[in-house]
Amino acid sequence: MQKYSEYEIKARVIKVRMPVEEVGLFNSLIDALPRYALTRTKEKGTGEVFVLVTPYKVKELMEALEGMKKHIKNLEILGETDEELTF
C-alpha cells in the first residue's frame, strides 16, 4: 500500500513586499485565512515575504491580498516567483 499519491502537488509561490513593521500583521492575516497559504521570509529585515499557496487556492489568495492593501500600507504584490527557497 502506497502512503502518498504518485502525483506531485507543488505549491505556487507569490512574492510580496511591504514595510518591515507591517510583516507581523501580514503574517497574522494570512494565518487567519482558512488553510490557503503559509508565509516565509528569505532575508530578515527586507520586508519581502513569500506566500506559499496550493494551486487550488491561488485565485482566493490573490483576492485576499488585494483586500489587504487597505490595511497594510505600501503592500506590493510582486507576483509569482521561481526563486529557490530553502527553509
Protein backbone atom coordinates (compact mmCIF):
# COMPACT_ATOMS: atom_id res chain seq x y z
CA MET A 1 0.00 0.00 0.00
CA GLN A 2 1.41 3.36 -1.03
CA LYS A 3 1.16 6.09 1.57
CA TYR A 4 1.21 9.10 -0.79
CA SER A 5 -0.25 9.77 -4.19
CA GLU A 6 2.00 9.21 -7.18
CA TYR A 7 1.12 12.69 -8.41
CA GLU A 8 3.21 15.53 -7.06
CA ILE A 9 1.40 18.68 -5.98
CA LYS A 10 3.62 21.72 -5.92
CA ALA A 11 2.92 24.97 -4.15
CA ARG A 12 2.81 28.25 -6.00
CA VAL A 13 4.97 30.99 -4.50
CA ILE A 14 3.73 34.59 -4.55
CA LYS A 15 6.21 37.30 -3.55
CA VAL A 16 5.03 40.44 -1.77
CA ARG A 17 6.83 43.46 -0.35
CA MET A 18 5.85 45.80 2.49
CA PRO A 19 7.44 47.89 5.23
CA VAL A 20 9.18 45.66 7.76
CA GLU A 21 6.94 46.86 10.60
CA GLU A 22 3.88 45.52 8.73
CA VAL A 23 5.17 41.94 8.29
CA GLY A 24 3.74 40.71 11.61
CA LEU A 25 0.25 41.96 10.76
CA PHE A 26 0.53 40.44 7.28
CA ASN A 27 1.54 37.05 8.68
CA SER A 28 -1.40 37.13 11.09
CA LEU A 29 -3.85 37.93 8.30
CA ILE A 30 -2.53 35.09 6.14
CA ASP A 31 -2.70 32.68 9.10
CA ALA A 32 -6.36 33.65 9.58
CA LEU A 33 -7.27 32.50 6.06
CA PRO A 34 -8.79 29.00 6.03
CA ARG A 35 -5.72 26.94 5.06
CA TYR A 36 -4.96 28.95 1.92
CA ALA A 37 -1.30 29.66 2.43
CA LEU A 38 1.85 29.89 4.56
CA THR A 39 4.31 32.75 4.76
CA ARG A 40 8.10 32.68 4.79
CA THR A 41 10.81 35.31 4.64
CA LYS A 42 14.12 34.73 2.92
CA GLU A 43 16.13 37.55 4.49
CA LYS A 44 15.32 39.27 7.76
CA GLY A 45 14.64 42.99 7.58
CA THR A 46 13.93 43.29 3.84
CA GLY A 47 10.13 43.38 4.01
CA GLU A 48 9.91 40.74 1.28
CA VAL A 49 7.63 37.82 2.12
CA PHE A 50 6.99 34.64 0.16
CA VAL A 51 3.46 33.28 0.32
CA LEU A 52 3.24 29.56 -0.41
CA VAL A 53 -0.21 28.64 -1.68
CA THR A 54 -1.75 25.46 -3.02
CA PRO A 55 -2.52 25.61 -6.75
CA TYR A 56 -6.22 25.27 -5.92
CA LYS A 57 -6.41 28.46 -3.85
CA VAL A 58 -4.38 30.97 -5.88
CA LYS A 59 -7.42 32.95 -7.03
CA GLU A 60 -8.81 33.25 -3.50
CA LEU A 61 -5.41 34.24 -2.14
CA MET A 62 -4.93 36.96 -4.75
CA GLU A 63 -8.35 38.39 -3.89
CA ALA A 64 -7.43 38.37 -0.19
CA LEU A 65 -4.09 40.09 -0.92
CA GLU A 66 -5.86 42.83 -2.87
CA GLY A 67 -8.17 43.37 0.12
CA MET A 68 -5.21 43.57 2.49
CA LYS A 69 -3.89 46.61 0.60
CA LYS A 70 -6.47 48.69 2.50
CA HIS A 71 -4.98 47.69 5.85
CA ILE A 72 -1.26 47.25 5.18
CA LYS A 73 0.44 50.40 3.98
CA ASN A 74 2.56 50.09 0.83
CA LEU A 75 1.77 46.40 0.28
CA GLU A 76 3.06 45.43 -3.16
CA ILE A 77 2.11 42.16 -4.83
CA LEU A 78 5.15 41.29 -6.92
CA GLY A 79 3.62 38.15 -8.40
CA GLU A 80 4.64 34.54 -8.75
CA THR A 81 8.31 33.76 -8.39
CA ASP A 82 10.61 30.85 -9.19
CA GLU A 83 13.21 31.84 -6.58
CA GLU A 84 14.81 28.92 -4.76
CA LEU A 85 13.56 28.77 -1.20
CA THR A 86 15.35 26.77 1.47
CA PHE A 87 13.89 26.55 4.95
